[in-house]
């Protein structure tokens, strides 16, 4: 993740947010058995946003 540029980070954040939304729908319809996946994706989004913020401040 450290080597990604700003555009790649933004795209990855959007992908993870869409994935998180899908997981939430699956949980509400009782199709997802591993609820921890939502927590993992949420942490990944936070890490990506932190990297994005660092890269924008560097410029």
PDB file of N, CA and C in Angstrom:
ATOM      1  N   UNK A   1       0.815  -1.195   0.000  1.00  0.00           N
ATOM      2  CA  UNK A   1       0.000   0.000   0.000  1.00  0.00           C
ATOM      3  C   UNK A   1       0.860   1.262   0.000  1.00  0.00           C
ATOM      4  N   UNK A   2       2.025   1.183   0.557  1.00  0.00           N
ATOM      5  CA  UNK A   2       2.890   2.353   0.652  1.00  0.00           C
ATOM      6  C   UNK A   2       3.307   2.873  -0.724  1.00  0.00           C
ATOM      7  N   UNK A   3       3.394   1.982  -1.705  1.00  0.00           N
ATOM      8  CA  UNK A   3       3.890   2.381  -3.019  1.00  0.00           C
ATOM      9  C   UNK A   3       2.795   2.903  -3.943  1.00  0.00           C
ATOM     10  N   UNK A   4       1.557   2.869  -3.515  1.00  0.00           N
ATOM     11  CA  UNK A   4       0.455   3.334  -4.353  1.00  0.00           C
ATOM     12  C   UNK A   4       0.465   4.857  -4.446  1.00  0.00           C
ATOM     13  N   UNK A   5      -0.003   5.360  -5.594  1.00  0.00           N
ATOM     14  CA  UNK A   5      -0.130   6.804  -5.705  1.00  0.00           C
ATOM     15  C   UNK A   5      -1.534   7.222  -5.261  1.00  0.00           C
ATOM     16  N   UNK A   6      -1.805   8.509  -5.317  1.00  0.00           N
ATOM     17  CA  UNK A   6      -3.045   9.055  -4.774  1.00  0.00           C
ATOM     18  C   UNK A   6      -4.270   8.494  -5.498  1.00  0.00           C
ATOM     19  N   UNK A   7      -4.197   8.394  -6.813  1.00  0.00           N
ATOM     20  CA  UNK A   7      -5.332   7.899  -7.596  1.00  0.00           C
ATOM     21  C   UNK A   7      -5.624   6.440  -7.254  1.00  0.00           C
ATOM     22  N   UNK A   8      -4.585   5.642  -7.135  1.00  0.00           N
ATOM     23  CA  UNK A   8      -4.765   4.236  -6.783  1.00  0.00           C
ATOM     24  C   UNK A   8      -5.354   4.097  -5.382  1.00  0.00           C
ATOM     25  N   UNK A   9      -4.908   4.924  -4.462  1.00  0.00           N
ATOM     26  CA  UNK A   9      -5.438   4.880  -3.100  1.00  0.00           C
ATOM     27  C   UNK A   9      -6.923   5.236  -3.081  1.00  0.00           C
ATOM     28  N   UNK A  10      -7.300   6.259  -3.834  1.00  0.00           N
ATOM     29  CA  UNK A  10      -8.707   6.651  -3.882  1.00  0.00           C
ATOM     30  C   UNK A  10      -9.571   5.542  -4.463  1.00  0.00           C
ATOM     31  N   UNK A  11      -9.080   4.891  -5.510  1.00  0.00           N
ATOM     32  CA  UNK A  11      -9.832   3.793  -6.116  1.00  0.00           C
ATOM     33  C   UNK A  11      -9.958   2.625  -5.141  1.00  0.00           C
ATOM     34  N   UNK A  12      -8.892   2.323  -4.442  1.00  0.00           N
ATOM     35  CA  UNK A  12      -8.909   1.226  -3.479  1.00  0.00           C
ATOM     36  C   UNK A  12      -9.870   1.529  -2.327  1.00  0.00           C
ATOM     37  N   UNK A  13      -9.917   2.771  -1.886  1.00  0.00           N
ATOM     38  CA  UNK A  13     -10.853   3.159  -0.826  1.00  0.00           C
ATOM     39  C   UNK A  13     -12.285   2.965  -1.298  1.00  0.00           C
ATOM     40  N   UNK A  14     -12.574   3.377  -2.523  1.00  0.00           N
ATOM     41  CA  UNK A  14     -13.921   3.198  -3.064  1.00  0.00           C
ATOM     42  C   UNK A  14     -14.286   1.720  -3.157  1.00  0.00           C
ATOM     43  N   UNK A  15     -13.334   0.897  -3.592  1.00  0.00           N
ATOM     44  CA  UNK A  15     -13.588  -0.542  -3.695  1.00  0.00           C
ATOM     45  C   UNK A  15     -13.885  -1.149  -2.326  1.00  0.00           C
ATOM     46  N   UNK A  16     -13.096  -0.765  -1.333  1.00  0.00           N
ATOM     47  CA  UNK A  16     -13.292  -1.310   0.020  1.00  0.00           C
ATOM     48  C   UNK A  16     -14.609  -0.835   0.625  1.00  0.00           C
ATOM     49  N   UNK A  17     -15.002   0.404   0.348  1.00  0.00           N
ATOM     50  CA  UNK A  17     -16.272   0.897   0.867  1.00  0.00           C
ATOM     51  C   UNK A  17     -17.445   0.155   0.230  1.00  0.00           C
ATOM     52  N   UNK A  18     -17.331  -0.150  -1.051  1.00  0.00           N
ATOM     53  CA  UNK A  18     -18.370  -0.935  -1.716  1.00  0.00           C
ATOM     54  C   UNK A  18     -18.424  -2.343  -1.136  1.00  0.00           C
ATOM     55  N   UNK A  19     -17.259  -2.905  -0.857  1.00  0.00           N
ATOM     56  CA  UNK A  19     -17.192  -4.233  -0.259  1.00  0.00           C
ATOM     57  C   UNK A  19     -17.828  -4.220   1.133  1.00  0.00           C
ATOM     58  N   UNK A  20     -17.566  -3.168   1.898  1.00  0.00           N
ATOM     59  CA  UNK A  20     -18.145  -3.052   3.238  1.00  0.00           C
ATOM     60  C   UNK A  20     -19.667  -2.975   3.159  1.00  0.00           C
ATOM     61  N   UNK A  21     -20.178  -2.239   2.181  1.00  0.00           N
ATOM     62  CA  UNK A  21     -21.616  -2.131   2.024  1.00  0.00           C
ATOM     63  C   UNK A  21     -22.226  -3.486   1.659  1.00  0.00           C
ATOM     64  N   UNK A  22     -21.560  -4.223   0.774  1.00  0.00           N
ATOM     65  CA  UNK A  22     -22.039  -5.558   0.417  1.00  0.00           C
ATOM     66  C   UNK A  22     -22.079  -6.468   1.634  1.00  0.00           C
ATOM     67  N   UNK A  23     -21.035  -6.405   2.457  1.00  0.00           N
ATOM     68  CA  UNK A  23     -21.002  -7.222   3.669  1.00  0.00           C
ATOM     69  C   UNK A  23     -22.153  -6.859   4.601  1.00  0.00           C
ATOM     70  N   UNK A  24     -22.445  -5.576   4.728  1.00  0.00           N
ATOM     71  CA  UNK A  24     -23.539  -5.156   5.606  1.00  0.00           C
ATOM     72  C   UNK A  24     -24.886  -5.682   5.105  1.00  0.00           C
ATOM     73  N   UNK A  25     -25.079  -5.670   3.793  1.00  0.00           N
ATOM     74  CA  UNK A  25     -26.313  -6.226   3.241  1.00  0.00           C
ATOM     75  C   UNK A  25     -26.391  -7.729   3.503  1.00  0.00           C
ATOM     76  N   UNK A  26     -25.263  -8.409   3.359  1.00  0.00           N
ATOM     77  CA  UNK A  26     -25.241  -9.849   3.603  1.00  0.00           C
ATOM     78  C   UNK A  26     -25.514 -10.163   5.068  1.00  0.00           C
ATOM     79  N   UNK A  27     -25.006  -9.342   5.968  1.00  0.00           N
ATOM     80  CA  UNK A  27     -25.257  -9.549   7.394  1.00  0.00           C
ATOM     81  C   UNK A  27     -26.736  -9.355   7.693  1.00  0.00           C
ATOM     82  N   UNK A  28     -27.329  -8.324   7.127  1.00  0.00           N
ATOM     83  CA  UNK A  28     -28.735  -8.055   7.414  1.00  0.00           C
ATOM     84  C   UNK A  28     -29.649  -9.144   6.866  1.00  0.00           C
ATOM     85  N   UNK A  29     -29.213  -9.815   5.812  1.00  0.00           N
ATOM     86  CA  UNK A  29     -30.025 -10.905   5.262  1.00  0.00           C
ATOM     87  C   UNK A  29     -29.542 -12.269   5.747  1.00  0.00           C
ATOM     88  N   UNK A  30     -28.650 -12.268   6.745  1.00  0.00           N
ATOM     89  CA  UNK A  30     -28.138 -13.492   7.384  1.00  0.00           C
ATOM     90  C   UNK A  30     -27.425 -14.419   6.404  1.00  0.00           C
ATOM     91  N   UNK A  31     -26.723 -13.849   5.432  1.00  0.00           N
ATOM     92  CA  UNK A  31     -25.970 -14.651   4.479  1.00  0.00           C
ATOM     93  C   UNK A  31     -24.486 -14.693   4.810  1.00  0.00           C
ATOM     94  N   UNK A  32     -24.024 -13.744   5.604  1.00  0.00           N
ATOM     95  CA  UNK A  32     -22.603 -13.672   5.941  1.00  0.00           C
ATOM     96  C   UNK A  32     -22.399 -14.272   7.327  1.00  0.00           C
ATOM     97  N   UNK A  33     -21.560 -15.282   7.391  1.00  0.00           N
ATOM     98  CA  UNK A  33     -21.340 -15.941   8.677  1.00  0.00           C
ATOM     99  C   UNK A  33     -20.153 -15.348   9.425  1.00  0.00           C
ATOM    100  N   UNK A  34     -19.205 -14.756   8.710  1.00  0.00           N
ATOM    101  CA  UNK A  34     -18.019 -14.186   9.360  1.00  0.00           C
ATOM    102  C   UNK A  34     -18.157 -12.665   9.432  1.00  0.00           C
ATOM    103  N   UNK A  35     -18.673 -12.199  10.540  1.00  0.00           N
ATOM    104  CA  UNK A  35     -18.937 -10.776  10.709  1.00  0.00           C
ATOM    105  C   UNK A  35     -17.638  -9.995  10.881  1.00  0.00           C
ATOM    106  N   UNK A  36     -16.576 -10.672  11.265  1.00  0.00           N
ATOM    107  CA  UNK A  36     -15.286 -10.004  11.465  1.00  0.00           C
ATOM    108  C   UNK A  36     -14.730  -9.416  10.170  1.00  0.00           C
ATOM    109  N   UNK A  37     -15.208  -9.888   9.037  1.00  0.00           N
ATOM    110  CA  UNK A  37     -14.742  -9.343   7.762  1.00  0.00           C
ATOM    111  C   UNK A  37     -15.057  -7.855   7.660  1.00  0.00           C
ATOM    112  N   UNK A  38     -16.195  -7.448   8.212  1.00  0.00           N
ATOM    113  CA  UNK A  38     -16.569  -6.035   8.173  1.00  0.00           C
ATOM    114  C   UNK A  38     -15.562  -5.217   8.967  1.00  0.00           C
ATOM    115  N   UNK A  39     -15.169  -5.715  10.120  1.00  0.00           N
ATOM    116  CA  UNK A  39     -14.185  -5.011  10.949  1.00  0.00           C
ATOM    117  C   UNK A  39     -12.846  -4.901  10.227  1.00  0.00           C
ATOM    118  N   UNK A  40     -12.450  -5.983   9.564  1.00  0.00           N
ATOM    119  CA  UNK A  40     -11.180  -5.989   8.835  1.00  0.00           C
ATOM    120  C   UNK A  40     -11.198  -4.963   7.702  1.00  0.00           C
ATOM    121  N   UNK A  41     -12.284  -4.935   6.947  1.00  0.00           N
ATOM    122  CA  UNK A  41     -12.397  -3.993   5.832  1.00  0.00           C
ATOM    123  C   UNK A  41     -12.426  -2.557   6.352  1.00  0.00           C
ATOM    124  N   UNK A  42     -13.110  -2.345   7.476  1.00  0.00           N
ATOM    125  CA  UNK A  42     -13.169  -1.008   8.060  1.00  0.00           C
ATOM    126  C   UNK A  42     -11.775  -0.522   8.470  1.00  0.00           C
ATOM    127  N   UNK A  43     -10.975  -1.412   9.029  1.00  0.00           N
ATOM    128  CA  UNK A  43      -9.602  -1.053   9.405  1.00  0.00           C
ATOM    129  C   UNK A  43      -8.751  -0.773   8.169  1.00  0.00           C
ATOM    130  N   UNK A  44      -8.946  -1.564   7.118  1.00  0.00           N
ATOM    131  CA  UNK A  44      -8.199  -1.339   5.882  1.00  0.00           C
ATOM    132  C   UNK A  44      -8.544   0.020   5.280  1.00  0.00           C
ATOM    133  N   UNK A  45      -9.820   0.391   5.336  1.00  0.00           N
ATOM    134  CA  UNK A  45     -10.238   1.699   4.827  1.00  0.00           C
ATOM    135  C   UNK A  45      -9.549   2.807   5.617  1.00  0.00           C
ATOM    136  N   UNK A  46      -9.493   2.652   6.931  1.00  0.00           N
ATOM    137  CA  UNK A  46      -8.837   3.659   7.772  1.00  0.00           C
ATOM    138  C   UNK A  46      -7.352   3.768   7.434  1.00  0.00           C
ATOM    139  N   UNK A  47      -6.703   2.646   7.214  1.00  0.00           N
ATOM    140  CA  UNK A  47      -5.281   2.665   6.860  1.00  0.00           C
ATOM    141  C   UNK A  47      -5.067   3.349   5.513  1.00  0.00           C
ATOM    142  N   UNK A  48      -5.925   3.033   4.555  1.00  0.00           N
ATOM    143  CA  UNK A  48      -5.803   3.649   3.235  1.00  0.00           C
ATOM    144  C   UNK A  48      -6.038   5.157   3.301  1.00  0.00           C
ATOM    145  N   UNK A  49      -7.024   5.572   4.095  1.00  0.00           N
ATOM    146  CA  UNK A  49      -7.293   6.999   4.230  1.00  0.00           C
ATOM    147  C   UNK A  49      -6.131   7.720   4.900  1.00  0.00           C
ATOM    148  N   UNK A  50      -5.492   7.058   5.860  1.00  0.00           N
ATOM    149  CA  UNK A  50      -4.329   7.651   6.516  1.00  0.00           C
ATOM    150  C   UNK A  50      -3.194   7.839   5.520  1.00  0.00           C
ATOM    151  N   UNK A  51      -2.931   6.816   4.714  1.00  0.00           N
ATOM    152  CA  UNK A  51      -1.889   6.933   3.691  1.00  0.00           C
ATOM    153  C   UNK A  51      -2.212   8.030   2.686  1.00  0.00           C
ATOM    154  N   UNK A  52      -3.468   8.104   2.289  1.00  0.00           N
ATOM    155  CA  UNK A  52      -3.890   9.130   1.340  1.00  0.00           C
ATOM    156  C   UNK A  52      -3.655  10.519   1.924  1.00  0.00           C
ATOM    157  N   UNK A  53      -3.986  10.697   3.173  1.00  0.00           N
ATOM    158  CA  UNK A  53      -3.788  11.990   3.838  1.00  0.00           C
ATOM    159  C   UNK A  53      -2.299  12.338   3.919  1.00  0.00           C
ATOM    160  N   UNK A  54      -1.477  11.363   4.243  1.00  0.00           N
ATOM    161  CA  UNK A  54      -0.038  11.598   4.321  1.00  0.00           C
ATOM    162  C   UNK A  54       0.527  12.009   2.965  1.00  0.00           C
ATOM    163  N   UNK A  55       0.077  11.336   1.922  1.00  0.00           N
ATOM    164  CA  UNK A  55       0.592  11.642   0.586  1.00  0.00           C
ATOM    165  C   UNK A  55       0.136  13.016   0.110  1.00  0.00           C
ATOM    166  N   UNK A  56      -1.089  13.403   0.454  1.00  0.00           N
ATOM    167  CA  UNK A  56      -1.549  14.727   0.034  1.00  0.00           C
ATOM    168  C   UNK A  56      -0.836  15.829   0.810  1.00  0.00           C
ATOM    169  N   UNK A  57      -0.459  15.567   2.049  1.00  0.00           N
ATOM    170  CA  UNK A  57       0.274  16.570   2.824  1.00  0.00           C
ATOM    171  C   UNK A  57       1.719  16.702   2.366  1.00  0.00           C
ATOM    172  N   UNK A  58       2.277  15.643   1.786  1.00  0.00           N
ATOM    173  CA  UNK A  58       3.653  15.684   1.298  1.00  0.00           C
ATOM    174  C   UNK A  58       3.806  16.620   0.108  1.00  0.00           C
ATOM    175  N   UNK A  59       2.756  16.759  -0.670  1.00  0.00           N
ATOM    176  CA  UNK A  59       2.835  17.566  -1.895  1.00  0.00           C
ATOM    177  C   UNK A  59       2.805  19.025  -1.626  1.00  0.00           C
TER     178      UNK A  59
END
